Amino acid sequence: MVPFLASHLDVNAIDAFGAEPAMMHDIEQEAAAGVKRVVRPPGGEIDWAGAQSPYAIAAFTEIKTVWHPKGL
């Protein structure tokens, strides 16, 4: 499923957590065509406490402001 998501133009980011290191090259190649963000899996020991941080999802969030004009 990862190669399909990496090449899909409506997907904006891929978290490669749990992906095999050999797959990373293919994921990044497919993602480059759609100019999407790829977050690489952490090397070595996984820091589960840090993985639960709200900063861990920063690459996948987009904040927009909607202004509502006040009527006359």
Protein backbone atom coordinates (compact mmCIF):
# COMPACT_ATOMS: atom_id res chain seq x y z
CA MET A 1 0.00 0.00 0.00
CA VAL A 2 2.92 2.36 0.68
CA PRO A 3 4.04 2.66 -2.97
CA PHE A 4 0.46 3.55 -3.98
CA LEU A 5 0.19 6.21 -1.25
CA ALA A 6 3.64 7.59 -2.06
CA SER A 7 2.72 8.09 -5.71
CA HIS A 8 -0.83 9.40 -5.11
CA LEU A 9 -1.09 13.13 -5.81
CA ASP A 10 -3.77 13.76 -3.15
CA VAL A 11 -1.51 12.50 -0.33
CA ASN A 12 0.62 15.32 1.09
CA ALA A 13 2.93 13.43 3.47
CA ILE A 14 4.14 9.91 4.26
CA ASP A 15 5.30 8.70 7.65
CA ALA A 16 7.60 5.80 6.88
CA PHE A 17 7.57 4.50 10.46
CA GLY A 18 7.89 0.73 10.32
CA ALA A 19 9.05 0.66 6.70
CA GLU A 20 11.95 -1.57 5.77
CA PRO A 21 15.17 0.39 5.19
CA ALA A 22 15.35 -1.13 1.68
CA MET A 23 11.93 0.38 0.85
CA MET A 24 12.94 3.95 1.77
CA HIS A 25 14.58 4.63 -1.61
CA ASP A 26 11.42 3.56 -3.47
CA ILE A 27 9.16 5.55 -1.14
CA GLU A 28 11.22 8.71 -1.58
CA GLN A 29 11.40 8.27 -5.38
CA GLU A 30 7.62 7.91 -5.67
CA ALA A 31 7.00 10.79 -3.25
CA ALA A 32 9.29 13.13 -5.20
CA ALA A 33 6.93 13.10 -8.19
CA GLY A 34 4.15 14.59 -6.07
CA VAL A 35 6.47 16.81 -3.97
CA LYS A 36 5.30 15.35 -0.68
CA ARG A 37 6.98 15.28 2.70
CA VAL A 38 8.52 11.98 3.80
CA VAL A 39 9.31 11.47 7.46
CA ARG A 40 12.00 8.84 7.83
CA PRO A 41 11.77 6.23 10.58
CA PRO A 42 14.05 6.86 13.55
CA GLY A 43 17.37 5.07 13.46
CA GLY A 44 18.23 2.68 16.26
CA GLU A 45 16.10 2.46 19.39
CA ILE A 46 12.59 3.93 19.11
CA ASP A 47 11.80 6.65 21.64
CA TRP A 48 8.14 5.91 22.37
CA ALA A 49 7.82 8.83 24.80
CA GLY A 50 9.02 11.26 22.11
CA ALA A 51 6.78 9.61 19.50
CA GLN A 52 3.73 10.68 21.51
CA SER A 53 4.75 14.31 21.42
CA PRO A 54 2.51 16.71 19.47
CA TYR A 55 5.66 17.87 17.68
CA ALA A 56 5.96 14.42 16.07
CA ILE A 57 2.99 15.20 13.81
CA ALA A 58 4.15 18.70 12.82
CA ALA A 59 5.13 17.57 9.31
CA PHE A 60 1.59 16.31 8.73
CA THR A 61 -0.40 19.30 9.94
CA GLU A 62 -1.45 22.41 8.09
CA ILE A 63 -3.01 25.38 9.82
CA LYS A 64 -5.23 27.78 7.95
CA THR A 65 -7.05 30.83 9.19
CA VAL A 66 -10.55 31.60 7.95
CA TRP A 67 -11.67 35.20 8.26
CA HIS A 68 -15.37 35.91 8.46
CA PRO A 69 -16.22 39.52 7.70
CA LYS A 70 -18.76 41.05 10.04
CA GLY A 71 -21.87 42.16 8.20
CA LEU A 72 -23.15 45.72 8.10
